[in-house]
Each structure stands twice: as C-alpha cells, then as structure tokens.
Amino acid sequence: MSKLKTIISAFFASCILFVGAAQAQVMWIDYSWRVEPQNEKKFVAAIEKFTQSETFSKFPGKMWFVVHTANGDNPTTHSFAVVYDKAEDFDANSAILANSEEFDRFRKALNASGDLLAEVVYTHVKGYGKHPKDTDTYQVSLMSVSNPAGYLGALDKLMQNDVMAGLPGGFDIWQVVAGGPPGASHIVVFANDSFAEGMNFNRQSASDPTFVRDFSALAEYRTILGTNWTRSPVKFGSSDLSSMR
C-alpha cells in the first residue's frame, strides 16, 4: 500500500493524423480522480482489492495507478492510465466489466472515496529513445499541434542531432481522440529514471546551438499548453512499451 500511495503519472499521439504510424490501434484511456487526503486510504484499498479479483486477472492490457504532484490548478490528484495494444482488447474488456459484480463493487468503492473528473482517450503515434522499463518518473506536456506530419518530421530531424545520442530515457507522442481540454490535440510523455536526470539533460542541451536550432523548429508545428510532473512506481501488466512502438 505504501508504494501505491506515492504514485504519479500522466501518460502516452497517433495514427488518425499520422498515417502509417506503427501499432495504430494502441489505446490509452486516462481516468482522472480527485481524492481528498482523508479518503486516500479507502481509495487505495479499493484498488488493491480489485486488482486481486478474478475479473482483473483477465485484464488484457497494462495499467498504471497515478498520483499527481505538480499539475498547476488541475484538481486531479490521482488517475488510472489504462493501455491496450489494440482497440479490440478494449472492446472485449468493456463487455466483461459491464457484467462483472466485482467491477461494480469497485466502481462504487471509488465513487465513495473520490470524484471522477475526466476520461480521455489517446492513441499512440511514435516513440523515441529508450523507455526505462522500471521508471516511475514522467514529465507530460499537453500540446496543440497545427501540422502533425510537419511536427513528426521535425522530431525525426531533432533525433538526428548529436546531442540526442545522449538522451536519457525516451519519450512517446500520443494523440487525443476523445475528451481532453479544449484545443489540446496531443501529449508527449518523457520517461526518465529521475526528475533530476531529465532536468540535467535539458540544461546541458540548451547550451548547444545546433540543438537549440533543431528544438526551436518544433515551435512551427506545436504549442505547449502545459506540463505535469508525475511518478508511477506501481504498474499492473508489463511496463515494456515495445508492443506499442
């Protein structure tokens, strides 16, 4: 339980706009909750109980339980990032949950200790770098992308920069396909072994003029709307992203 109480994450832009992206059906459904401190133990206990149930044992995807610590005025305190390798898995699991008494009890327990704020569906676009399988640290930027193909091309060019050979960890682009804040079209999720690792790389990169040139070119295609810092030390299902990329 102590692990679950120290979590965070806001995760993983894709193929509807990026024609030809691999694994075009990979889905991430993010469920955002507001939980008051006095109710956190009950909220976490409900999660632990459900993850030990027969219904959850048949879950075909991956799930990260998330606690948000740096997300501005967003009232979200916790979230579930649920990822499926394909839309068919989501459909099949939804049918199972609709007829599950265990899931019904789980939902009621969550509702008794928190408020569901939002549900957002993302599809995966592309990943870069090496995703640390055991990482619990993520930086998530919400974006408005005006030219998805141009943005992806600029990212490909950026990755050819010599500085990016030293990229610690990796990042993934996801597209918002349902829900999400007005004007938001994509998110980029950076995975590192620590916040310090990511910040140190950003600071060192900023001193290289060729990196600054290639990074600045991204601004022609996207506007960053906000950034969250998250942690996610507890995951259910494999944390390997190779099936997505």
Protein backbone atom coordinates (compact mmCIF):
# COMPACT_ATOMS: atom_id res chain seq x y z
CA MET A 1 0.00 0.00 0.00
CA SER A 2 2.85 2.39 0.79
CA LYS A 3 4.03 2.10 -2.82
CA LEU A 4 0.61 2.82 -4.22
CA LYS A 5 0.31 5.99 -2.18
CA THR A 6 3.43 7.53 -3.69
CA ILE A 7 2.48 7.25 -7.36
CA ILE A 8 2.01 9.65 -10.24
CA SER A 9 1.66 9.59 -13.92
CA ALA A 10 0.00 11.07 -16.79
CA PHE A 11 0.98 9.24 -19.80
CA PHE A 12 1.32 8.41 -23.50
CA ALA A 13 -0.45 10.64 -30.42
CA SER A 14 -1.24 8.89 -33.31
CA CYS A 15 -2.36 7.36 -36.38
CA ILE A 16 -5.55 9.11 -37.27
CA LEU A 17 -3.38 12.07 -38.23
CA PHE A 18 -0.07 10.26 -38.63
CA VAL A 19 -0.91 7.91 -41.47
CA GLY A 20 1.25 4.80 -41.45
CA ALA A 21 2.26 5.00 -37.77
CA ALA A 22 3.05 1.56 -36.36
CA GLN A 23 0.61 -0.11 -33.97
CA ALA A 24 -2.07 2.42 -34.93
CA GLN A 25 -4.70 0.98 -32.63
CA VAL A 26 -2.78 1.20 -29.36
CA MET A 27 -5.12 2.96 -26.93
CA TRP A 28 -4.58 4.73 -23.62
CA ILE A 29 -7.64 5.62 -21.59
CA ASP A 30 -6.88 8.01 -18.75
CA TYR A 31 -9.30 8.27 -15.82
CA SER A 32 -8.73 11.32 -13.61
CA TRP A 33 -9.88 11.48 -9.98
CA ARG A 34 -9.92 13.98 -7.15
CA VAL A 35 -9.39 12.29 -3.78
CA GLU A 36 -9.28 14.22 -0.51
CA PRO A 37 -6.40 13.28 1.83
CA GLN A 38 -8.72 11.75 4.44
CA ASN A 39 -10.15 9.39 1.79
CA GLU A 40 -6.90 8.23 0.20
CA LYS A 41 -6.57 5.06 2.27
CA LYS A 42 -10.06 3.93 1.27
CA PHE A 43 -9.38 4.76 -2.37
CA VAL A 44 -6.13 2.79 -2.42
CA ALA A 45 -7.70 -0.12 -0.55
CA ALA A 46 -10.43 -0.38 -3.19
CA ILE A 47 -7.78 -0.55 -5.91
CA GLU A 48 -5.79 -3.22 -4.12
CA LYS A 49 -8.88 -5.35 -3.58
CA PHE A 50 -9.98 -5.15 -7.21
CA THR A 51 -6.53 -5.96 -8.60
CA GLN A 52 -6.68 -9.24 -6.65
CA SER A 53 -10.08 -10.18 -8.12
CA GLU A 54 -10.89 -12.81 -10.75
CA THR A 55 -12.20 -10.09 -13.06
CA PHE A 56 -8.90 -8.20 -13.00
CA SER A 57 -6.93 -11.41 -13.59
CA LYS A 58 -8.44 -11.45 -17.11
CA PHE A 59 -7.43 -7.84 -17.85
CA PRO A 60 -5.65 -7.86 -21.26
CA GLY A 61 -3.83 -4.53 -21.00
CA LYS A 62 -1.44 -2.52 -18.84
CA MET A 63 -2.44 -0.16 -16.03
CA TRP A 64 -0.53 2.48 -14.11
CA PHE A 65 -2.07 3.91 -10.93
CA VAL A 66 -1.13 7.57 -10.70
CA VAL A 67 -0.75 10.29 -8.08
CA HIS A 68 -0.31 13.84 -9.42
CA THR A 69 2.03 16.22 -7.61
CA ALA A 70 2.81 19.09 -10.00
CA ASN A 71 -0.01 19.92 -12.38
CA GLY A 72 -0.91 23.54 -11.70
CA ASP A 73 -4.55 24.31 -10.93
CA ASN A 74 -5.78 20.97 -12.28
CA PRO A 75 -7.83 19.42 -9.41
CA THR A 76 -6.76 15.86 -10.33
CA THR A 77 -4.94 14.09 -7.50
CA HIS A 78 -4.90 10.53 -8.87
CA SER A 79 -5.52 8.78 -12.16
CA PHE A 80 -5.51 5.43 -13.90
CA ALA A 81 -3.63 5.12 -17.18
CA VAL A 82 -5.06 2.03 -18.87
CA VAL A 83 -3.32 0.93 -22.08
CA TYR A 84 -4.46 -1.66 -24.62
CA ASP A 85 -2.37 -2.99 -27.50
CA LYS A 86 -5.42 -2.83 -29.77
CA ALA A 87 -8.95 -1.44 -29.74
CA GLU A 88 -10.41 -4.96 -29.87
CA ASP A 89 -8.94 -5.66 -26.42
CA PHE A 90 -10.64 -2.55 -25.08
CA ASP A 91 -13.99 -3.61 -26.55
CA ALA A 92 -13.70 -7.13 -25.17
CA ASN A 93 -12.70 -5.97 -21.70
CA SER A 94 -15.50 -3.39 -21.62
CA ALA A 95 -18.01 -6.19 -22.27
CA ILE A 96 -16.55 -8.22 -19.40
CA LEU A 97 -16.64 -5.30 -16.98
CA ALA A 98 -20.23 -4.45 -17.88
CA ASN A 99 -21.33 -7.82 -16.48
CA SER A 100 -18.94 -8.02 -13.53
CA GLU A 101 -20.24 -7.65 -9.99
CA GLU A 102 -16.64 -7.29 -8.78
CA PHE A 103 -16.13 -4.30 -11.07
CA ASP A 104 -19.46 -2.82 -9.99
CA ARG A 105 -18.36 -3.00 -6.34
CA PHE A 106 -15.02 -1.48 -7.31
CA ARG A 107 -16.66 1.49 -9.03
CA LYS A 108 -18.94 2.11 -6.05
CA ALA A 109 -15.98 1.98 -3.67
CA LEU A 110 -14.07 4.51 -5.75
CA ASN A 111 -17.09 6.80 -6.01
CA ALA A 112 -17.49 6.66 -2.24
CA SER A 113 -13.97 7.99 -1.69
CA GLY A 114 -13.33 10.24 -4.70
CA ASP A 115 -14.79 12.20 -7.61
CA LEU A 116 -14.27 11.13 -11.22
CA LEU A 117 -13.28 14.29 -13.10
CA ALA A 118 -12.48 13.26 -16.68
CA GLU A 119 -11.93 10.40 -19.11
CA VAL A 120 -9.60 10.93 -22.06
CA VAL A 121 -8.76 8.52 -24.89
CA TYR A 122 -5.39 8.68 -26.64
CA THR A 123 -3.87 6.69 -29.47
CA HIS A 124 -0.14 6.16 -29.81
CA VAL A 125 1.80 7.90 -32.58
CA LYS A 126 5.50 7.20 -32.14
CA GLY A 127 8.17 6.64 -29.53
CA TYR A 128 11.79 7.85 -29.42
CA GLY A 129 14.77 6.84 -27.35
CA LYS A 130 14.88 4.02 -24.83
CA HIS A 131 11.99 3.74 -22.41
CA PRO A 132 13.27 2.73 -18.94
CA LYS A 133 11.12 -0.31 -18.09
CA ASP A 134 11.29 0.24 -14.35
CA THR A 135 10.97 4.02 -14.35
CA ASP A 136 8.48 5.75 -12.07
CA THR A 137 9.19 9.30 -13.25
CA TYR A 138 7.37 11.04 -16.09
CA GLN A 139 7.06 14.55 -17.50
CA VAL A 140 3.94 15.07 -19.60
CA SER A 141 3.37 18.03 -21.91
CA LEU A 142 -0.03 18.85 -23.36
CA MET A 143 0.13 20.32 -26.86
CA SER A 144 -1.85 21.86 -29.68
CA VAL A 145 -0.32 20.57 -32.92
CA SER A 146 -1.20 22.53 -36.05
CA ASN A 147 0.63 20.30 -38.54
CA PRO A 148 1.03 16.69 -37.25
CA ALA A 149 3.09 15.48 -40.21
CA GLY A 150 5.38 18.53 -40.01
CA TYR A 151 5.78 18.06 -36.26
CA LEU A 152 6.73 14.40 -36.62
CA GLY A 153 9.23 15.31 -39.35
CA ALA A 154 10.80 17.97 -37.13
CA LEU A 155 11.07 15.42 -34.30
CA ASP A 156 12.77 12.94 -36.61
CA LYS A 157 15.30 15.65 -37.54
CA LEU A 158 15.82 16.57 -33.90
CA MET A 159 16.62 12.94 -33.06
CA GLN A 160 19.45 13.03 -35.64
CA ASN A 161 21.14 15.82 -33.68
CA ASP A 162 24.34 14.65 -31.97
CA VAL A 163 23.06 15.86 -28.59
CA MET A 164 20.15 13.41 -28.73
CA ALA A 165 22.58 10.48 -28.74
CA GLY A 166 22.87 11.16 -25.01
CA LEU A 167 19.10 11.23 -24.38
CA PRO A 168 18.48 9.57 -21.01
CA GLY A 169 15.31 7.52 -21.29
CA GLY A 170 12.82 8.25 -24.04
CA PHE A 171 9.53 9.87 -24.96
CA ASP A 172 6.28 8.96 -26.69
CA ILE A 173 3.77 11.03 -28.64
CA TRP A 174 0.05 10.37 -28.22
CA GLN A 175 -2.96 11.90 -29.97
CA VAL A 176 -6.12 12.97 -28.16
CA VAL A 177 -9.06 11.23 -29.86
CA ALA A 178 -11.83 11.71 -27.26
CA GLY A 179 -12.15 14.06 -24.31
CA GLY A 180 -9.27 16.27 -23.24
CA PRO A 181 -9.05 20.05 -22.67
CA PRO A 182 -10.30 22.33 -25.46
CA GLY A 183 -7.59 22.97 -28.04
CA ALA A 184 -5.40 20.05 -26.97
CA SER A 185 -4.55 17.59 -29.75
CA HIS A 186 -1.51 15.64 -28.49
CA ILE A 187 0.63 14.90 -25.47
CA VAL A 188 4.29 13.98 -25.23
CA VAL A 189 5.40 11.78 -22.32
CA PHE A 190 9.05 11.80 -21.24
CA ALA A 191 10.21 8.79 -19.19
CA ASN A 192 13.34 9.10 -17.06
CA ASP A 193 14.85 7.36 -14.06
CA SER A 194 14.52 10.61 -12.09
CA PHE A 195 13.37 14.20 -12.49
CA ALA A 196 16.98 15.33 -11.99
CA GLU A 197 18.12 13.19 -14.91
CA GLY A 198 15.65 14.85 -17.27
CA MET A 199 16.35 18.36 -15.99
CA ASN A 200 20.12 17.93 -16.24
CA PHE A 201 19.82 16.77 -19.85
CA ASN A 202 17.59 19.74 -20.70
CA ARG A 203 20.05 22.17 -19.10
CA GLN A 204 23.07 20.70 -20.86
CA SER A 205 21.28 20.53 -24.22
CA ALA A 206 20.31 24.20 -24.04
CA SER A 207 23.99 25.16 -24.28
CA ASP A 208 24.40 23.51 -27.70
CA PRO A 209 23.45 25.90 -30.55
CA THR A 210 22.63 23.12 -33.02
CA PHE A 211 20.26 21.51 -30.55
CA VAL A 212 18.61 24.86 -29.83
CA ARG A 213 18.15 25.34 -33.59
CA ASP A 214 16.54 21.93 -34.16
CA PHE A 215 14.45 22.09 -31.00
CA SER A 216 13.19 25.59 -31.80
CA ALA A 217 11.95 24.31 -35.17
CA LEU A 218 9.25 22.32 -33.32
CA ALA A 219 7.51 25.58 -32.41
CA GLU A 220 6.42 26.00 -36.04
CA TYR A 221 4.13 22.99 -35.64
CA ARG A 222 3.11 22.85 -31.98
CA THR A 223 2.23 24.99 -28.98
CA ILE A 224 2.80 23.63 -25.47
CA LEU A 225 -0.26 24.22 -23.27
CA GLY A 226 1.11 22.92 -20.00
CA THR A 227 3.40 20.35 -18.37
CA ASN A 228 2.89 17.92 -15.45
CA TRP A 229 5.42 16.02 -13.39
CA THR A 230 4.34 12.54 -12.39
CA ARG A 231 5.58 9.35 -10.76
CA SER A 232 4.37 5.78 -11.28
CA PRO A 233 6.30 3.16 -9.30
CA VAL A 234 3.46 0.61 -9.30
CA LYS A 235 2.21 -0.85 -12.57
CA PHE A 236 -0.09 -3.72 -13.42
CA GLY A 237 0.86 -5.68 -16.51
CA SER A 238 4.13 -5.38 -18.40
CA SER A 239 5.71 -1.92 -18.48
CA ASP A 240 7.56 -2.82 -21.70
CA LEU A 241 6.46 -0.42 -24.45
CA SER A 242 7.85 -2.48 -27.34
CA SER A 243 4.35 -3.66 -28.25
CA MET A 244 3.33 -0.04 -28.81
CA ARG A 245 6.29 1.29 -30.72
